[in-house]
């Protein structure tokens, strides 16, 4: 193979549809991670018990929630019983499956050097079909995250009002959190 041979890239249209699908693919993971944080913080559902392997890998539940894969996050939500409707969990699992396919194999599965308009049309149709499931997963996970955060705000306010009697009206719980933490930068 000659080093000066140019490889074709996906068309702008395919790249656009791929980007939209990946955007929707990231949303369920972020929302479900926030839901798991909130439920763990408030003690909703069963305890989040990590396996020995997960404890070796992640050290604690916060690190687990920060770094676990989307499928593992969904499994933890199922075990905690935070979301019990199996059809909804399947929506998240389907979105996760599509997100993983797009992230790990979709582009490498196609030979853009030997691309035909028919192959491109089929690939775009495939992305659009996945995008519907990804969008559904994004919408449902956003709704659950919003519900959890609303309940969390109410519980936090009740706690703050109770503690204000003893600690003063400006007390704020420094451990309240809803979103994934920003990873600390490692110094060299």
N, C-alpha and C. Protein backbone atom coordinates (compact mmCIF):
# COMPACT_ATOMS: atom_id res chain seq x y z
N UNK A 1 0.84 -1.18 0.00
CA UNK A 1 0.00 0.00 0.00
C UNK A 1 0.89 1.24 0.00
N UNK A 2 0.62 2.12 -0.87
CA UNK A 2 1.38 3.36 -1.00
C UNK A 2 1.00 4.35 0.09
N UNK A 3 2.00 5.03 0.63
CA UNK A 3 1.74 6.02 1.68
C UNK A 3 1.03 7.25 1.15
N UNK A 4 1.14 7.49 -0.15
CA UNK A 4 0.51 8.70 -0.70
C UNK A 4 -0.94 8.47 -1.12
N UNK A 5 -1.48 7.26 -0.90
CA UNK A 5 -2.88 7.00 -1.24
C UNK A 5 -3.78 7.73 -0.24
N UNK A 6 -4.74 8.42 -0.76
CA UNK A 6 -5.67 9.15 0.09
C UNK A 6 -6.87 8.27 0.40
N UNK A 7 -7.32 8.35 1.63
CA UNK A 7 -8.50 7.61 2.03
C UNK A 7 -9.69 8.55 2.08
N UNK A 8 -10.82 8.03 1.63
CA UNK A 8 -12.04 8.84 1.67
C UNK A 8 -12.60 8.82 3.07
N UNK A 9 -13.17 9.92 3.43
CA UNK A 9 -13.85 10.05 4.71
C UNK A 9 -15.36 9.98 4.49
N UNK A 10 -16.12 9.77 5.54
CA UNK A 10 -17.59 9.81 5.38
C UNK A 10 -18.02 11.16 4.83
N UNK A 11 -19.12 11.16 4.11
CA UNK A 11 -19.65 12.42 3.56
C UNK A 11 -20.08 13.34 4.70
N UNK A 12 -20.26 14.60 4.37
CA UNK A 12 -20.74 15.56 5.38
C UNK A 12 -22.12 15.16 5.90
N UNK A 13 -22.97 14.64 5.03
CA UNK A 13 -24.30 14.25 5.46
C UNK A 13 -24.24 13.09 6.46
N UNK A 14 -23.43 12.09 6.15
CA UNK A 14 -23.30 10.97 7.07
C UNK A 14 -22.67 11.44 8.38
N UNK A 15 -21.66 12.29 8.29
CA UNK A 15 -20.99 12.80 9.49
C UNK A 15 -21.97 13.59 10.37
N UNK A 16 -22.84 14.37 9.74
CA UNK A 16 -23.83 15.13 10.49
C UNK A 16 -24.76 14.19 11.26
N UNK A 17 -25.32 13.20 10.56
CA UNK A 17 -26.25 12.26 11.20
C UNK A 17 -25.55 11.46 12.31
N UNK A 18 -24.31 11.10 12.07
CA UNK A 18 -23.52 10.38 13.07
C UNK A 18 -23.32 11.24 14.31
N UNK A 19 -23.00 12.50 14.11
CA UNK A 19 -22.77 13.42 15.24
C UNK A 19 -24.04 13.62 16.06
N UNK A 20 -25.17 13.78 15.40
CA UNK A 20 -26.44 13.93 16.10
C UNK A 20 -26.73 12.67 16.92
N UNK A 21 -26.55 11.52 16.31
CA UNK A 21 -26.79 10.25 17.02
C UNK A 21 -25.88 10.13 18.24
N UNK A 22 -24.62 10.47 18.09
CA UNK A 22 -23.69 10.38 19.22
C UNK A 22 -24.04 11.38 20.32
N UNK A 23 -24.53 12.55 19.94
CA UNK A 23 -24.97 13.52 20.94
C UNK A 23 -26.09 12.92 21.79
N UNK A 24 -27.09 12.36 21.13
CA UNK A 24 -28.18 11.73 21.87
C UNK A 24 -27.70 10.48 22.61
N UNK A 25 -26.68 9.84 22.09
CA UNK A 25 -26.14 8.66 22.75
C UNK A 25 -25.44 8.95 24.05
N UNK A 26 -24.88 10.14 24.20
CA UNK A 26 -24.19 10.49 25.44
C UNK A 26 -25.16 10.93 26.54
N UNK A 27 -26.31 11.44 26.16
CA UNK A 27 -27.24 12.00 27.14
C UNK A 27 -27.77 10.97 28.14
N UNK A 28 -28.22 9.79 27.71
CA UNK A 28 -28.70 8.84 28.71
C UNK A 28 -27.65 8.48 29.75
N UNK A 29 -26.41 8.30 29.30
CA UNK A 29 -25.35 7.95 30.25
C UNK A 29 -25.16 9.05 31.29
N UNK A 30 -25.11 10.29 30.85
CA UNK A 30 -24.94 11.41 31.78
C UNK A 30 -26.13 11.53 32.73
N UNK A 31 -27.32 11.42 32.18
CA UNK A 31 -28.53 11.54 33.01
C UNK A 31 -28.66 10.40 34.00
N UNK A 32 -28.39 9.18 33.56
CA UNK A 32 -28.52 8.03 34.45
C UNK A 32 -27.43 8.04 35.52
N UNK A 33 -26.26 8.55 35.18
CA UNK A 33 -25.18 8.71 36.16
C UNK A 33 -25.62 9.70 37.25
N UNK A 34 -26.23 10.81 36.84
CA UNK A 34 -26.72 11.80 37.81
C UNK A 34 -27.85 11.21 38.66
N UNK A 35 -28.72 10.42 38.04
CA UNK A 35 -29.80 9.76 38.77
C UNK A 35 -29.22 8.81 39.82
N UNK A 36 -28.19 8.07 39.45
CA UNK A 36 -27.58 7.13 40.38
C UNK A 36 -26.90 7.87 41.53
N UNK A 37 -26.22 8.98 41.24
CA UNK A 37 -25.62 9.80 42.30
C UNK A 37 -26.70 10.27 43.28
N UNK A 38 -27.76 10.81 42.74
CA UNK A 38 -28.82 11.38 43.58
C UNK A 38 -29.47 10.31 44.43
N UNK A 39 -29.75 9.16 43.83
CA UNK A 39 -30.41 8.09 44.58
C UNK A 39 -29.47 7.52 45.65
N UNK A 40 -28.18 7.42 45.34
CA UNK A 40 -27.22 6.92 46.33
C UNK A 40 -27.07 7.93 47.47
N UNK A 41 -27.02 9.20 47.14
CA UNK A 41 -26.86 10.25 48.15
C UNK A 41 -28.03 10.24 49.14
N UNK A 42 -29.24 10.09 48.62
CA UNK A 42 -30.44 10.13 49.47
C UNK A 42 -30.82 8.76 50.03
N UNK A 43 -30.16 7.72 49.59
CA UNK A 43 -30.48 6.39 50.08
C UNK A 43 -31.75 5.82 49.49
N UNK A 44 -32.12 6.27 48.30
CA UNK A 44 -33.32 5.74 47.64
C UNK A 44 -32.99 4.37 47.06
N UNK A 45 -33.89 3.45 47.21
CA UNK A 45 -33.70 2.11 46.67
C UNK A 45 -32.72 1.32 47.51
N UNK A 46 -32.34 0.18 46.99
CA UNK A 46 -31.40 -0.70 47.70
C UNK A 46 -30.01 -0.05 47.72
N UNK A 47 -29.19 -0.51 48.65
CA UNK A 47 -27.81 -0.02 48.70
C UNK A 47 -27.09 -0.38 47.40
N UNK A 48 -26.18 0.46 47.02
CA UNK A 48 -25.36 0.20 45.84
C UNK A 48 -24.16 -0.63 46.30
N UNK A 49 -24.28 -1.92 46.11
CA UNK A 49 -23.22 -2.83 46.55
C UNK A 49 -22.36 -3.20 45.36
N UNK A 50 -21.06 -2.95 45.50
CA UNK A 50 -20.13 -3.25 44.43
C UNK A 50 -19.55 -4.64 44.62
N UNK A 51 -19.27 -5.30 43.51
CA UNK A 51 -18.62 -6.61 43.58
C UNK A 51 -17.16 -6.41 43.99
N UNK A 52 -16.49 -7.50 44.35
CA UNK A 52 -15.07 -7.40 44.71
C UNK A 52 -14.25 -6.83 43.56
N UNK A 53 -14.56 -7.28 42.34
CA UNK A 53 -13.86 -6.78 41.16
C UNK A 53 -14.10 -5.28 40.97
N UNK A 54 -15.35 -4.85 41.16
CA UNK A 54 -15.66 -3.42 41.03
C UNK A 54 -14.96 -2.61 42.11
N UNK A 55 -14.88 -3.13 43.32
CA UNK A 55 -14.18 -2.42 44.39
C UNK A 55 -12.69 -2.29 44.08
N UNK A 56 -12.08 -3.34 43.54
CA UNK A 56 -10.66 -3.25 43.15
C UNK A 56 -10.48 -2.21 42.05
N UNK A 57 -11.40 -2.21 41.12
CA UNK A 57 -11.27 -1.32 39.96
C UNK A 57 -11.61 0.13 40.29
N UNK A 58 -12.67 0.34 41.08
CA UNK A 58 -13.17 1.70 41.28
C UNK A 58 -12.90 2.26 42.68
N UNK A 59 -12.56 1.44 43.65
CA UNK A 59 -12.24 1.82 45.03
C UNK A 59 -13.46 2.16 45.90
N UNK A 60 -14.45 2.89 45.37
CA UNK A 60 -15.65 3.21 46.14
C UNK A 60 -16.82 3.51 45.21
N UNK A 61 -18.00 3.73 45.78
CA UNK A 61 -19.19 3.93 44.95
C UNK A 61 -19.13 5.21 44.13
N UNK A 62 -18.54 6.28 44.68
CA UNK A 62 -18.45 7.52 43.90
C UNK A 62 -17.58 7.33 42.67
N UNK A 63 -16.45 6.65 42.83
CA UNK A 63 -15.58 6.39 41.68
C UNK A 63 -16.28 5.46 40.69
N UNK A 64 -17.05 4.50 41.21
CA UNK A 64 -17.82 3.62 40.34
C UNK A 64 -18.79 4.43 39.49
N UNK A 65 -19.55 5.30 40.13
CA UNK A 65 -20.54 6.10 39.39
C UNK A 65 -19.84 7.02 38.39
N UNK A 66 -18.69 7.57 38.78
CA UNK A 66 -17.94 8.45 37.88
C UNK A 66 -17.45 7.74 36.63
N UNK A 67 -16.97 6.50 36.78
CA UNK A 67 -16.22 5.86 35.70
C UNK A 67 -16.84 4.62 35.09
N UNK A 68 -17.93 4.12 35.64
CA UNK A 68 -18.54 2.90 35.10
C UNK A 68 -19.11 3.15 33.71
N UNK A 69 -19.18 2.10 32.94
CA UNK A 69 -19.75 2.20 31.60
C UNK A 69 -21.27 2.37 31.68
N UNK A 70 -21.85 2.79 30.60
CA UNK A 70 -23.29 3.01 30.55
C UNK A 70 -24.06 1.74 30.92
N UNK A 71 -23.66 0.61 30.37
CA UNK A 71 -24.34 -0.65 30.67
C UNK A 71 -24.26 -1.00 32.15
N UNK A 72 -23.14 -0.73 32.77
CA UNK A 72 -22.96 -1.00 34.20
C UNK A 72 -23.80 -0.05 35.04
N UNK A 73 -23.92 1.19 34.61
CA UNK A 73 -24.76 2.17 35.31
C UNK A 73 -26.23 1.70 35.25
N UNK A 74 -26.67 1.25 34.08
CA UNK A 74 -28.05 0.76 33.94
C UNK A 74 -28.27 -0.45 34.84
N UNK A 75 -27.31 -1.34 34.88
CA UNK A 75 -27.41 -2.52 35.74
C UNK A 75 -27.52 -2.11 37.21
N UNK A 76 -26.74 -1.11 37.63
CA UNK A 76 -26.79 -0.64 39.01
C UNK A 76 -28.15 -0.01 39.33
N UNK A 77 -28.70 0.74 38.39
CA UNK A 77 -30.02 1.35 38.58
C UNK A 77 -31.08 0.26 38.72
N UNK A 78 -30.95 -0.78 37.92
CA UNK A 78 -31.88 -1.92 38.00
C UNK A 78 -31.76 -2.59 39.38
N UNK A 79 -30.54 -2.85 39.84
CA UNK A 79 -30.34 -3.51 41.14
C UNK A 79 -30.83 -2.65 42.30
N UNK A 80 -30.62 -1.34 42.22
CA UNK A 80 -31.08 -0.44 43.28
C UNK A 80 -32.60 -0.35 43.32
N UNK A 81 -33.24 -0.61 42.18
CA UNK A 81 -34.70 -0.52 42.13
C UNK A 81 -35.19 0.91 41.99
N UNK A 82 -34.31 1.79 41.54
CA UNK A 82 -34.69 3.20 41.35
C UNK A 82 -35.68 3.32 40.21
N UNK A 83 -35.45 2.57 39.14
CA UNK A 83 -36.39 2.45 38.03
C UNK A 83 -36.74 0.97 37.96
N UNK A 84 -38.02 0.67 38.06
CA UNK A 84 -38.42 -0.73 38.11
C UNK A 84 -39.15 -1.19 36.85
N UNK A 85 -39.60 -0.27 36.02
CA UNK A 85 -40.33 -0.63 34.81
C UNK A 85 -39.36 -1.22 33.78
N UNK A 86 -39.49 -2.50 33.52
CA UNK A 86 -38.57 -3.21 32.64
C UNK A 86 -38.54 -2.61 31.23
N UNK A 87 -39.68 -2.16 30.72
CA UNK A 87 -39.71 -1.58 29.37
C UNK A 87 -38.84 -0.32 29.29
N UNK A 88 -38.82 0.47 30.35
CA UNK A 88 -37.98 1.67 30.36
C UNK A 88 -36.51 1.29 30.44
N UNK A 89 -36.20 0.31 31.26
CA UNK A 89 -34.81 -0.14 31.35
C UNK A 89 -34.34 -0.68 30.00
N UNK A 90 -35.23 -1.33 29.27
CA UNK A 90 -34.89 -1.83 27.93
C UNK A 90 -34.64 -0.68 26.95
N UNK A 91 -35.37 0.42 27.12
CA UNK A 91 -35.13 1.61 26.29
C UNK A 91 -33.70 2.10 26.52
N UNK A 92 -33.28 2.16 27.79
CA UNK A 92 -31.93 2.61 28.11
C UNK A 92 -30.88 1.62 27.59
N UNK A 93 -31.16 0.34 27.72
CA UNK A 93 -30.21 -0.67 27.24
C UNK A 93 -30.06 -0.62 25.72
N UNK A 94 -31.16 -0.42 25.03
CA UNK A 94 -31.11 -0.31 23.56
C UNK A 94 -30.32 0.93 23.16
N UNK A 95 -30.55 2.05 23.84
CA UNK A 95 -29.79 3.27 23.55
C UNK A 95 -28.30 3.05 23.82
N UNK A 96 -28.00 2.38 24.91
CA UNK A 96 -26.60 2.10 25.26
C UNK A 96 -25.95 1.21 24.20
N UNK A 97 -26.67 0.21 23.75
CA UNK A 97 -26.16 -0.69 22.71
C UNK A 97 -25.84 0.09 21.43
N UNK A 98 -26.75 0.97 21.03
CA UNK A 98 -26.52 1.78 19.82
C UNK A 98 -25.34 2.73 20.02
N UNK A 99 -25.28 3.36 21.18
CA UNK A 99 -24.18 4.28 21.48
C UNK A 99 -22.85 3.55 21.40
N UNK A 100 -22.79 2.35 21.96
CA UNK A 100 -21.55 1.57 21.92
C UNK A 100 -21.19 1.19 20.49
N UNK A 101 -22.17 0.81 19.72
CA UNK A 101 -21.90 0.46 18.32
C UNK A 101 -21.37 1.66 17.56
N UNK A 102 -22.02 2.80 17.74
CA UNK A 102 -21.55 4.01 17.05
C UNK A 102 -20.14 4.39 17.49
N UNK A 103 -19.88 4.31 18.78
CA UNK A 103 -18.59 4.74 19.31
C UNK A 103 -17.46 3.77 18.96
N UNK A 104 -17.75 2.48 18.91
CA UNK A 104 -16.67 1.51 18.82
C UNK A 104 -16.52 0.79 17.49
N UNK A 105 -17.59 0.72 16.69
CA UNK A 105 -17.42 -0.08 15.47
C UNK A 105 -18.09 0.47 14.22
N UNK A 106 -19.03 1.36 14.35
CA UNK A 106 -19.81 1.77 13.18
C UNK A 106 -18.93 2.30 12.05
N UNK A 107 -18.05 3.24 12.35
CA UNK A 107 -17.23 3.83 11.29
C UNK A 107 -16.20 2.83 10.74
N UNK A 108 -15.62 2.05 11.63
CA UNK A 108 -14.61 1.09 11.17
C UNK A 108 -15.21 -0.07 10.39
N UNK A 109 -16.50 -0.29 10.53
CA UNK A 109 -17.18 -1.36 9.79
C UNK A 109 -17.39 -1.00 8.32
N UNK A 110 -17.20 0.25 7.96
CA UNK A 110 -17.47 0.70 6.59
C UNK A 110 -16.17 1.03 5.86
N UNK A 111 -16.13 0.66 4.62
CA UNK A 111 -14.99 0.94 3.75
C UNK A 111 -15.34 2.16 2.89
N UNK A 112 -14.96 3.32 3.36
CA UNK A 112 -15.33 4.55 2.67
C UNK A 112 -14.58 4.72 1.35
N UNK A 113 -13.48 4.00 1.18
CA UNK A 113 -12.76 4.06 -0.09
C UNK A 113 -13.56 3.43 -1.22
N UNK A 114 -14.40 2.48 -0.88
CA UNK A 114 -15.22 1.79 -1.88
C UNK A 114 -16.71 2.05 -1.61
N UNK A 115 -17.02 3.27 -1.40
CA UNK A 115 -18.35 3.70 -0.98
C UNK A 115 -19.20 3.99 -2.20
N UNK A 116 -20.43 3.53 -2.18
CA UNK A 116 -21.37 3.84 -3.26
C UNK A 116 -22.52 4.65 -2.66
N UNK A 117 -23.26 5.37 -3.49
CA UNK A 117 -24.42 6.11 -2.96
C UNK A 117 -25.41 5.19 -2.25
N UNK A 118 -25.55 3.96 -2.72
CA UNK A 118 -26.47 3.02 -2.07
C UNK A 118 -25.98 2.63 -0.68
N UNK A 119 -24.68 2.37 -0.57
CA UNK A 119 -24.11 2.02 0.74
C UNK A 119 -24.25 3.18 1.71
N UNK A 120 -23.99 4.39 1.20
CA UNK A 120 -24.12 5.56 2.06
C UNK A 120 -25.57 5.74 2.51
N UNK A 121 -26.52 5.58 1.59
CA UNK A 121 -27.93 5.70 1.95
C UNK A 121 -28.34 4.70 3.01
N UNK A 122 -27.86 3.46 2.88
CA UNK A 122 -28.17 2.43 3.86
C UNK A 122 -27.54 2.78 5.22
N UNK A 123 -26.32 3.27 5.21
CA UNK A 123 -25.65 3.63 6.46
C UNK A 123 -26.38 4.79 7.14
N UNK A 124 -26.81 5.77 6.39
CA UNK A 124 -27.56 6.90 6.96
C UNK A 124 -28.89 6.41 7.52
N UNK A 125 -29.57 5.54 6.79
CA UNK A 125 -30.84 4.99 7.29
C UNK A 125 -30.60 4.22 8.60
N UNK A 126 -29.51 3.50 8.67
CA UNK A 126 -29.15 2.75 9.88
C UNK A 126 -28.92 3.72 11.05
N UNK A 127 -28.21 4.81 10.79
CA UNK A 127 -27.96 5.81 11.84
C UNK A 127 -29.28 6.44 12.28
N UNK A 128 -30.14 6.76 11.33
CA UNK A 128 -31.42 7.39 11.68
C UNK A 128 -32.28 6.47 12.54
N UNK A 129 -32.27 5.17 12.24
CA UNK A 129 -33.02 4.22 13.06
C UNK A 129 -32.45 4.16 14.48
N UNK A 130 -31.13 4.17 14.59
CA UNK A 130 -30.51 4.17 15.92
C UNK A 130 -30.81 5.48 16.65
N UNK A 131 -30.82 6.58 15.91
CA UNK A 131 -31.06 7.89 16.52
C UNK A 131 -32.43 7.96 17.19
N UNK A 132 -33.42 7.31 16.60
CA UNK A 132 -34.75 7.29 17.24
C UNK A 132 -34.68 6.66 18.63
N UNK A 133 -34.00 5.53 18.75
CA UNK A 133 -33.85 4.88 20.05
C UNK A 133 -32.98 5.71 20.99
N UNK A 134 -31.95 6.32 20.45
CA UNK A 134 -31.07 7.15 21.28
C UNK A 134 -31.81 8.37 21.81
N UNK A 135 -32.62 8.97 20.96
CA UNK A 135 -33.41 10.13 21.37
C UNK A 135 -34.41 9.74 22.46
N UNK A 136 -35.06 8.60 22.28
CA UNK A 136 -36.01 8.10 23.28
C UNK A 136 -35.29 7.88 24.62
N UNK A 137 -34.12 7.28 24.58
CA UNK A 137 -33.33 7.08 25.80
C UNK A 137 -32.94 8.39 26.44
N UNK A 138 -32.58 9.37 25.61
CA UNK A 138 -32.21 10.69 26.13
C UNK A 138 -33.40 11.37 26.81
N UNK A 139 -34.55 11.33 26.15
CA UNK A 139 -35.76 11.97 26.72
C UNK A 139 -36.19 11.33 28.03
N UNK A 140 -36.26 9.99 28.06
CA UNK A 140 -36.70 9.30 29.28
C UNK A 140 -35.70 9.50 30.41
N UNK A 141 -34.42 9.40 30.11
CA UNK A 141 -33.42 9.57 31.17
C UNK A 141 -33.43 11.00 31.70
N UNK A 142 -33.66 11.97 30.81
CA UNK A 142 -33.76 13.37 31.24
C UNK A 142 -34.96 13.56 32.17
N UNK A 143 -36.07 12.92 31.83
CA UNK A 143 -37.27 13.03 32.67
C UNK A 143 -37.02 12.42 34.05
N UNK A 144 -36.40 11.24 34.11
CA UNK A 144 -36.11 10.63 35.40
C UNK A 144 -35.12 11.46 36.20
N UNK A 145 -34.12 12.01 35.52
CA UNK A 145 -33.16 12.86 36.22
C UNK A 145 -33.87 14.08 36.81
N UNK A 146 -34.76 14.70 36.05
CA UNK A 146 -35.49 15.87 36.53
C UNK A 146 -36.37 15.54 37.73
N UNK A 147 -37.05 14.40 37.67
CA UNK A 147 -37.89 13.97 38.79
C UNK A 147 -37.03 13.75 40.03
N UNK A 148 -35.92 13.05 39.85
CA UNK A 148 -35.03 12.76 40.99
C UNK A 148 -34.47 14.05 41.58
N UNK A 149 -34.06 14.96 40.74
CA UNK A 149 -33.50 16.21 41.24
C UNK A 149 -34.55 17.05 41.94
N UNK A 150 -35.80 17.02 41.44
CA UNK A 150 -36.89 17.73 42.10
C UNK A 150 -37.14 17.16 43.50
N UNK A 151 -37.21 15.83 43.59
CA UNK A 151 -37.40 15.19 44.91
C UNK A 151 -36.20 15.48 45.81
N UNK A 152 -35.03 15.46 45.24
CA UNK A 152 -33.81 15.74 46.01
C UNK A 152 -33.83 17.16 46.56
N UNK A 153 -34.23 18.11 45.72
CA UNK A 153 -34.30 19.50 46.17
C UNK A 153 -35.27 19.64 47.34
N UNK A 154 -36.41 18.94 47.26
CA UNK A 154 -37.39 19.00 48.35
C UNK A 154 -36.83 18.39 49.63
N UNK A 155 -36.17 17.24 49.51
CA UNK A 155 -35.58 16.61 50.70
C UNK A 155 -34.46 17.46 51.27
N UNK A 156 -33.65 18.02 50.40
CA UNK A 156 -32.54 18.86 50.85
C UNK A 156 -33.07 20.11 51.55
N UNK A 157 -34.14 20.69 51.03
CA UNK A 157 -34.73 21.87 51.67
C UNK A 157 -35.27 21.51 53.05
N UNK A 158 -35.96 20.37 53.17
CA UNK A 158 -36.46 19.95 54.49
C UNK A 158 -35.30 19.78 55.47
N UNK A 159 -34.25 19.13 55.02
CA UNK A 159 -33.08 18.93 55.88
C UNK A 159 -32.45 20.27 56.25
N UNK A 160 -32.30 21.14 55.27
CA UNK A 160 -31.69 22.45 55.54
C UNK A 160 -32.55 23.25 56.53
N UNK A 161 -33.87 23.19 56.36
CA UNK A 161 -34.76 23.90 57.29
C UNK A 161 -34.63 23.34 58.70
N UNK A 162 -34.53 22.01 58.81
CA UNK A 162 -34.36 21.40 60.14
C UNK A 162 -33.02 21.77 60.74
N UNK A 163 -31.95 21.70 59.95
CA UNK A 163 -30.62 22.01 60.46
C UNK A 163 -30.46 23.50 60.76
N UNK A 164 -31.20 24.33 60.05
CA UNK A 164 -31.11 25.77 60.27
C UNK A 164 -31.51 26.14 61.69
N UNK A 165 -32.38 25.34 62.28
CA UNK A 165 -32.78 25.60 63.66
C UNK A 165 -31.58 25.48 64.61
N UNK A 166 -30.64 24.61 64.25
CA UNK A 166 -29.49 24.37 65.12
C UNK A 166 -28.20 25.02 64.61
N UNK A 167 -28.04 25.10 63.30
CA UNK A 167 -26.78 25.57 62.72
C UNK A 167 -26.88 26.96 62.09
N UNK A 168 -28.04 27.53 62.10
CA UNK A 168 -28.20 28.86 61.52
C UNK A 168 -28.83 28.79 60.14
N UNK A 169 -29.43 29.89 59.71
CA UNK A 169 -30.20 29.90 58.45
C UNK A 169 -29.34 29.79 57.19
N UNK A 170 -28.04 29.97 57.27
CA UNK A 170 -27.20 29.94 56.08
C UNK A 170 -26.54 28.58 55.85
N UNK A 171 -26.95 27.56 56.61
CA UNK A 171 -26.33 26.25 56.45
C UNK A 171 -26.64 25.69 55.06
N UNK A 172 -25.61 25.13 54.44
CA UNK A 172 -25.77 24.48 53.13
C UNK A 172 -24.97 23.18 53.17
N UNK A 173 -25.60 22.09 52.78
CA UNK A 173 -24.94 20.79 52.77
C UNK A 173 -23.92 20.76 51.63
N UNK A 174 -22.63 20.65 51.95
CA UNK A 174 -21.60 20.67 50.90
C UNK A 174 -21.55 19.38 50.08
N UNK A 175 -22.27 18.34 50.50
CA UNK A 175 -22.22 17.06 49.79
C UNK A 175 -23.31 16.91 48.74
N UNK A 176 -24.25 17.86 48.67
CA UNK A 176 -25.32 17.75 47.68
C UNK A 176 -24.73 17.87 46.28
N UNK A 177 -25.08 16.95 45.41
CA UNK A 177 -24.56 16.97 44.04
C UNK A 177 -25.53 16.27 43.12
N UNK A 178 -25.58 16.71 41.89
CA UNK A 178 -26.50 16.11 40.93
C UNK A 178 -25.80 15.64 39.68
N UNK A 179 -24.70 16.19 39.33
CA UNK A 179 -24.05 15.84 38.07
C UNK A 179 -22.73 15.15 38.34
N UNK A 180 -22.20 14.56 37.30
CA UNK A 180 -20.90 13.91 37.41
C UNK A 180 -19.87 14.94 37.83
N UNK A 181 -18.96 14.48 38.62
CA UNK A 181 -17.89 15.38 39.06
C UNK A 181 -16.94 15.65 37.92
N UNK A 182 -16.29 16.79 38.01
CA UNK A 182 -15.24 17.10 37.06
C UNK A 182 -13.99 16.39 37.56
N UNK A 183 -13.40 15.51 36.73
CA UNK A 183 -12.22 14.79 37.19
C UNK A 183 -11.09 15.74 37.53
N UNK A 184 -10.38 15.41 38.60
CA UNK A 184 -9.21 16.23 38.99
C UNK A 184 -8.10 15.96 38.00
N UNK A 185 -7.41 17.02 37.66
CA UNK A 185 -6.27 16.86 36.75
C UNK A 185 -5.07 16.34 37.54
N UNK A 186 -4.42 15.39 36.93
CA UNK A 186 -3.24 14.82 37.58
C UNK A 186 -2.05 15.68 37.24
N UNK A 187 -1.24 15.93 38.23
CA UNK A 187 -0.01 16.69 37.98
C UNK A 187 1.09 15.73 37.64
N UNK A 188 1.98 16.19 36.81
CA UNK A 188 3.10 15.34 36.38
C UNK A 188 4.23 15.39 37.36
